[in-house]
Amino acid sequence: MANTHHRRLAVTVISGEDLRINDKPIKNNAFVTVKADSHSSTSLYDSTKPDARGESYPYWDEKLPVDLPAGSRYLVVEVHRRSSLAGDVLVGTAWIPVSDFVGGYAPENYQHFLSYRLRDAKGQRNGIINISVRMVTSSYKGTSSSSSSSVPEFGIPMDREKNSRTVTGVPIWYPNQCKS
């Protein structure tokens, strides 16, 4: 069973599109920070290395670990440009709802590929960020946790000898299905 107090995410920051500062394409040195919205003001974040060549279409393809505390509703992705004169300048922010990649019918370790519109400090559209998000589970890649049970909570075991995955079906009933 997953820890309900915090979850670990593997966020891969893939690329950005049409990034601008003051309506001008950025030249270089864009980097991304990723963190969970937190009730605490000391929220931890991780960041990519600055992209030196991508200009307004940077490419990072960097995996960042992110802790997602219980109660977090958003994953906050910020794109900045590093400048020797002005310091780090915010290019845009995307607030990604946790519900977009947690819950639903996808398995817990499913990798979601997501693209979101960035908004600058004034709330104006300012490019797109492309990321992938995967929930890191203790049973992923064959590792096991002492707190996890060998019997699935629901579903039918596929092959206990090879892995511990389960198959889950959801019945869907349509009204008036058997009309003659």
C-alpha atoms as a PDB file:
ATOM      1  CA  MET A   1       0.000   0.000   0.000  1.00  0.00           C
ATOM      2  CA  ALA A   2       1.324   3.470  -0.877  1.00  0.00           C
ATOM      3  CA  ASN A   3       2.375   5.816   1.871  1.00  0.00           C
ATOM      4  CA  THR A   4      -0.485   8.261   2.417  1.00  0.00           C
ATOM      5  CA  HIS A   5       1.690  10.940   3.995  1.00  0.00           C
ATOM      6  CA  HIS A   6       3.945  11.575   1.050  1.00  0.00           C
ATOM      7  CA  ARG A   7       4.588  10.173  -2.386  1.00  0.00           C
ATOM      8  CA  ARG A   8       7.696  10.281  -4.520  1.00  0.00           C
ATOM      9  CA  LEU A   9       7.460  11.470  -8.128  1.00  0.00           C
ATOM     10  CA  ALA A  10       9.947  11.111 -10.958  1.00  0.00           C
ATOM     11  CA  VAL A  11       9.395  14.227 -13.057  1.00  0.00           C
ATOM     12  CA  THR A  12      11.249  14.405 -16.371  1.00  0.00           C
ATOM     13  CA  VAL A  13      11.480  17.933 -17.723  1.00  0.00           C
ATOM     14  CA  ILE A  14      11.597  17.363 -21.470  1.00  0.00           C
ATOM     15  CA  SER A  15      11.445  20.694 -23.316  1.00  0.00           C
ATOM     16  CA  GLY A  16       9.955  24.152 -23.626  1.00  0.00           C
ATOM     17  CA  GLU A  17       8.342  25.925 -26.556  1.00  0.00           C
ATOM     18  CA  ASP A  18       8.179  29.608 -27.545  1.00  0.00           C
ATOM     19  CA  LEU A  19       9.600  31.002 -24.292  1.00  0.00           C
ATOM     20  CA  ARG A  20       9.732  34.807 -24.098  1.00  0.00           C
ATOM     21  CA  ILE A  21      10.683  37.656 -21.792  1.00  0.00           C
ATOM     22  CA  ASN A  22       8.973  40.997 -22.441  1.00  0.00           C
ATOM     23  CA  ASP A  23       7.546  39.519 -25.672  1.00  0.00           C
ATOM     24  CA  LYS A  24      11.046  38.774 -27.030  1.00  0.00           C
ATOM     25  CA  PRO A  25      12.333  35.192 -27.513  1.00  0.00           C
ATOM     26  CA  ILE A  26      14.831  34.193 -24.854  1.00  0.00           C
ATOM     27  CA  LYS A  27      18.384  33.627 -26.051  1.00  0.00           C
ATOM     28  CA  ASN A  28      19.724  30.887 -23.750  1.00  0.00           C
ATOM     29  CA  ASN A  29      20.235  29.666 -20.172  1.00  0.00           C
ATOM     30  CA  ALA A  30      16.636  28.644 -19.468  1.00  0.00           C
ATOM     31  CA  PHE A  31      16.192  26.230 -16.564  1.00  0.00           C
ATOM     32  CA  VAL A  32      13.213  24.691 -14.787  1.00  0.00           C
ATOM     33  CA  THR A  33      12.342  24.275 -11.108  1.00  0.00           C
ATOM     34  CA  VAL A  34       9.753  21.725  -9.961  1.00  0.00           C
ATOM     35  CA  LYS A  35       8.103  21.519  -6.538  1.00  0.00           C
ATOM     36  CA  ALA A  36       4.854  20.476  -4.913  1.00  0.00           C
ATOM     37  CA  ASP A  37       2.574  23.215  -3.686  1.00  0.00           C
ATOM     38  CA  SER A  38       2.876  22.917   0.019  1.00  0.00           C
ATOM     39  CA  HIS A  39       1.219  24.377   3.037  1.00  0.00           C
ATOM     40  CA  SER A  40       4.739  25.055   4.270  1.00  0.00           C
ATOM     41  CA  SER A  41       6.624  28.097   3.005  1.00  0.00           C
ATOM     42  CA  THR A  42       9.861  26.070   2.987  1.00  0.00           C
ATOM     43  CA  SER A  43       8.809  23.831   0.103  1.00  0.00           C
ATOM     44  CA  LEU A  44      11.783  21.967  -1.376  1.00  0.00           C
ATOM     45  CA  TYR A  45      12.428  22.043  -5.101  1.00  0.00           C
ATOM     46  CA  ASP A  46      14.899  20.703  -7.608  1.00  0.00           C
ATOM     47  CA  SER A  47      16.018  22.284 -10.873  1.00  0.00           C
ATOM     48  CA  THR A  48      17.459  21.385 -14.253  1.00  0.00           C
ATOM     49  CA  LYS A  49      20.754  22.637 -15.610  1.00  0.00           C
ATOM     50  CA  PRO A  50      20.460  25.738 -17.827  1.00  0.00           C
ATOM     51  CA  ASP A  51      20.056  24.969 -21.532  1.00  0.00           C
ATOM     52  CA  ALA A  52      22.808  26.917 -23.294  1.00  0.00           C
ATOM     53  CA  ARG A  53      21.756  26.307 -26.900  1.00  0.00           C
ATOM     54  CA  GLY A  54      17.980  25.886 -27.150  1.00  0.00           C
ATOM     55  CA  GLU A  55      17.082  29.582 -27.246  1.00  0.00           C
ATOM     56  CA  SER A  56      13.265  29.938 -26.981  1.00  0.00           C
ATOM     57  CA  TYR A  57      12.852  26.165 -27.601  1.00  0.00           C
ATOM     58  CA  PRO A  58      15.095  24.653 -24.886  1.00  0.00           C
ATOM     59  CA  TYR A  59      15.590  20.911 -24.425  1.00  0.00           C
ATOM     60  CA  TRP A  60      16.556  19.448 -21.043  1.00  0.00           C
ATOM     61  CA  ASP A  61      15.427  15.806 -20.793  1.00  0.00           C
ATOM     62  CA  GLU A  62      16.377  15.764 -17.092  1.00  0.00           C
ATOM     63  CA  LYS A  63      14.742  13.641 -14.406  1.00  0.00           C
ATOM     64  CA  LEU A  64      14.022  15.380 -11.112  1.00  0.00           C
ATOM     65  CA  PRO A  65      12.829  13.615  -7.943  1.00  0.00           C
ATOM     66  CA  VAL A  66       9.944  15.430  -6.247  1.00  0.00           C
ATOM     67  CA  ASP A  67       8.335  14.642  -2.892  1.00  0.00           C
ATOM     68  CA  LEU A  68       4.566  15.100  -3.002  1.00  0.00           C
ATOM     69  CA  PRO A  69       3.232  15.639   0.545  1.00  0.00           C
ATOM     70  CA  ALA A  70      -0.296  14.522   1.395  1.00  0.00           C
ATOM     71  CA  GLY A  71      -2.747  17.312   0.664  1.00  0.00           C
ATOM     72  CA  SER A  72      -0.748  18.774  -2.212  1.00  0.00           C
ATOM     73  CA  ARG A  73      -3.073  19.793  -5.003  1.00  0.00           C
ATOM     74  CA  TYR A  74      -0.567  21.072  -7.566  1.00  0.00           C
ATOM     75  CA  LEU A  75       2.866  20.445  -8.986  1.00  0.00           C
ATOM     76  CA  VAL A  76       4.451  23.858  -9.618  1.00  0.00           C
ATOM     77  CA  VAL A  77       6.754  24.060 -12.650  1.00  0.00           C
ATOM     78  CA  GLU A  78       8.640  27.334 -13.141  1.00  0.00           C
ATOM     79  CA  VAL A  79      10.850  28.251 -16.082  1.00  0.00           C
ATOM     80  CA  HIS A  80      13.595  30.799 -15.388  1.00  0.00           C
ATOM     81  CA  ARG A  81      16.371  32.382 -17.427  1.00  0.00           C
ATOM     82  CA  ARG A  82      19.765  32.768 -15.789  1.00  0.00           C
ATOM     83  CA  SER A  83      21.402  36.119 -16.552  1.00  0.00           C
ATOM     84  CA  SER A  84      24.702  37.468 -15.270  1.00  0.00           C
ATOM     85  CA  LEU A  85      23.268  41.001 -15.171  1.00  0.00           C
ATOM     86  CA  ALA A  86      19.710  40.515 -13.905  1.00  0.00           C
ATOM     87  CA  GLY A  87      20.093  37.228 -11.996  1.00  0.00           C
ATOM     88  CA  ASP A  88      17.388  34.590 -12.444  1.00  0.00           C
ATOM     89  CA  VAL A  89      14.345  35.957 -14.290  1.00  0.00           C
ATOM     90  CA  LEU A  90      10.991  34.148 -14.144  1.00  0.00           C
ATOM     91  CA  VAL A  91       9.810  33.276 -17.668  1.00  0.00           C
ATOM     92  CA  GLY A  92       6.610  31.439 -16.755  1.00  0.00           C
ATOM     93  CA  THR A  93       4.828  29.136 -14.338  1.00  0.00           C
ATOM     94  CA  ALA A  94       2.496  26.163 -14.789  1.00  0.00           C
ATOM     95  CA  TRP A  95       0.343  24.891 -11.927  1.00  0.00           C
ATOM     96  CA  ILE A  96      -0.305  21.222 -12.766  1.00  0.00           C
ATOM     97  CA  PRO A  97      -3.200  19.596 -10.875  1.00  0.00           C
ATOM     98  CA  VAL A  98      -2.101  16.437  -9.051  1.00  0.00           C
ATOM     99  CA  SER A  99      -5.356  14.863 -10.231  1.00  0.00           C
ATOM    100  CA  ASP A 100      -3.934  14.897 -13.783  1.00  0.00           C
ATOM    101  CA  PHE A 101      -1.462  12.146 -12.887  1.00  0.00           C
ATOM    102  CA  VAL A 102      -2.601  10.571  -9.584  1.00  0.00           C
ATOM    103  CA  GLY A 103      -5.661   8.378  -9.299  1.00  0.00           C
ATOM    104  CA  GLY A 104      -7.994   7.326 -12.056  1.00  0.00           C
ATOM    105  CA  TYR A 105      -7.569   4.009 -13.828  1.00  0.00           C
ATOM    106  CA  ALA A 106      -3.864   4.217 -14.699  1.00  0.00           C
ATOM    107  CA  PRO A 107      -1.499   2.071 -12.605  1.00  0.00           C
ATOM    108  CA  GLU A 108       0.397   3.919  -9.909  1.00  0.00           C
ATOM    109  CA  ASN A 109       3.753   3.687 -11.760  1.00  0.00           C
ATOM    110  CA  TYR A 110       2.286   4.790 -15.121  1.00  0.00           C
ATOM    111  CA  GLN A 111       4.289   7.470 -16.926  1.00  0.00           C
ATOM    112  CA  HIS A 112       2.131  10.443 -17.927  1.00  0.00           C
ATOM    113  CA  PHE A 113       3.329  12.766 -20.713  1.00  0.00           C
ATOM    114  CA  LEU A 114       1.952  16.247 -20.154  1.00  0.00           C
ATOM    115  CA  SER A 115       2.158  19.651 -21.863  1.00  0.00           C
ATOM    116  CA  TYR A 116       1.031  22.824 -20.129  1.00  0.00           C
ATOM    117  CA  ARG A 117       0.747  26.485 -21.004  1.00  0.00           C
ATOM    118  CA  LEU A 118       3.096  28.712 -19.017  1.00  0.00           C
ATOM    119  CA  ARG A 119       1.900  32.017 -17.602  1.00  0.00           C
ATOM    120  CA  ASP A 120       4.223  34.935 -16.867  1.00  0.00           C
ATOM    121  CA  ALA A 121       4.053  37.128 -13.741  1.00  0.00           C
ATOM    122  CA  LYS A 122       1.242  39.188 -15.335  1.00  0.00           C
ATOM    123  CA  GLY A 123      -0.806  36.072 -16.093  1.00  0.00           C
ATOM    124  CA  GLN A 124      -0.201  36.263 -19.845  1.00  0.00           C
ATOM    125  CA  ARG A 125       0.470  33.163 -21.953  1.00  0.00           C
ATOM    126  CA  ASN A 126       4.185  32.630 -22.296  1.00  0.00           C
ATOM    127  CA  GLY A 127       5.142  29.364 -23.937  1.00  0.00           C
ATOM    128  CA  ILE A 128       4.628  25.679 -23.204  1.00  0.00           C
ATOM    129  CA  ILE A 129       6.415  23.190 -20.957  1.00  0.00           C
ATOM    130  CA  ASN A 130       6.576  19.472 -21.821  1.00  0.00           C
ATOM    131  CA  ILE A 131       7.131  17.031 -18.956  1.00  0.00           C
ATOM    132  CA  SER A 132       6.514  13.440 -17.944  1.00  0.00           C
ATOM    133  CA  VAL A 133       5.448  12.381 -14.451  1.00  0.00           C
ATOM    134  CA  ARG A 134       5.607   8.926 -12.894  1.00  0.00           C
ATOM    135  CA  MET A 135       4.734   7.916  -9.342  1.00  0.00           C
ATOM    136  CA  VAL A 136       7.683   6.010  -7.875  1.00  0.00           C
ATOM    137  CA  THR A 137       6.503   2.905  -6.034  1.00  0.00           C
ATOM    138  CA  SER A 138       8.460   0.474  -3.942  1.00  0.00           C
ATOM    139  CA  SER A 139       7.370  -2.459  -6.129  1.00  0.00           C
ATOM    140  CA  TYR A 140       8.556  -0.793  -9.337  1.00  0.00           C
ATOM    141  CA  LYS A 141      11.571  -2.496 -10.984  1.00  0.00           C
ATOM    142  CA  GLY A 142      11.240  -5.562  -8.788  1.00  0.00           C
ATOM    143  CA  THR A 143      11.991  -3.968  -5.428  1.00  0.00           C
ATOM    144  CA  SER A 144       9.724  -4.776  -2.536  1.00  0.00           C
ATOM    145  CA  SER A 145       8.713  -3.024   0.609  1.00  0.00           C
ATOM    146  CA  SER A 146       8.361  -4.696   3.977  1.00  0.00           C
ATOM    147  CA  SER A 147       5.042  -2.924   4.485  1.00  0.00           C
ATOM    148  CA  SER A 148       3.536  -4.213   1.236  1.00  0.00           C
ATOM    149  CA  SER A 149       1.527  -7.384   1.169  1.00  0.00           C
ATOM    150  CA  SER A 150       2.075 -10.182  -1.334  1.00  0.00           C
ATOM    151  CA  VAL A 151      -1.688 -10.315  -1.922  1.00  0.00           C
ATOM    152  CA  PRO A 152      -3.056  -7.484  -4.071  1.00  0.00           C
ATOM    153  CA  GLU A 153      -5.765  -5.272  -2.588  1.00  0.00           C
ATOM    154  CA  PHE A 154      -7.896  -5.785  -5.705  1.00  0.00           C
ATOM    155  CA  GLY A 155      -7.603  -7.340  -9.144  1.00  0.00           C
ATOM    156  CA  ILE A 156      -6.376 -10.729 -10.348  1.00  0.00           C
ATOM    157  CA  PRO A 157      -2.674 -11.677 -10.098  1.00  0.00           C
ATOM    158  CA  MET A 158      -1.143 -12.158 -13.579  1.00  0.00           C
ATOM    159  CA  ASP A 159       1.838 -14.418 -12.903  1.00  0.00           C
ATOM    160  CA  ARG A 160       3.152 -14.639  -9.367  1.00  0.00           C
ATOM    161  CA  GLU A 161       6.409 -16.252 -10.505  1.00  0.00           C
ATOM    162  CA  LYS A 162       7.492 -13.355 -12.746  1.00  0.00           C
ATOM    163  CA  ASN A 163       6.027 -10.237 -11.164  1.00  0.00           C
ATOM    164  CA  SER A 164       3.483  -8.922  -8.708  1.00  0.00           C
ATOM    165  CA  ARG A 165       1.328  -6.940 -11.144  1.00  0.00           C
ATOM    166  CA  THR A 166      -2.437  -7.291 -11.135  1.00  0.00           C
ATOM    167  CA  VAL A 167      -5.109  -7.046 -13.790  1.00  0.00           C
ATOM    168  CA  THR A 168      -8.099  -4.922 -12.903  1.00  0.00           C
ATOM    169  CA  GLY A 169     -11.343  -4.679 -14.844  1.00  0.00           C
ATOM    170  CA  VAL A 170     -14.076  -2.126 -14.342  1.00  0.00           C
ATOM    171  CA  PRO A 171     -17.564  -3.216 -15.416  1.00  0.00           C
ATOM    172  CA  ILE A 172     -19.515  -0.666 -17.426  1.00  0.00           C
ATOM    173  CA  TRP A 173     -23.279  -1.057 -17.618  1.00  0.00           C
ATOM    174  CA  TYR A 174     -25.287   0.649 -20.333  1.00  0.00           C
ATOM    175  CA  PRO A 175     -29.039   1.132 -19.778  1.00  0.00           C
ATOM    176  CA  ASN A 176     -31.376  -0.711 -22.150  1.00  0.00           C
ATOM    177  CA  GLN A 177     -28.548  -2.855 -23.444  1.00  0.00           C
ATOM    178  CA  CYS A 178     -30.717  -5.890 -24.173  1.00  0.00           C
ATOM    179  CA  LYS A 179     -33.579  -4.350 -26.176  1.00  0.00           C
ATOM    180  CA  SER A 180     -35.065  -6.653 -28.782  1.00  0.00           C
END
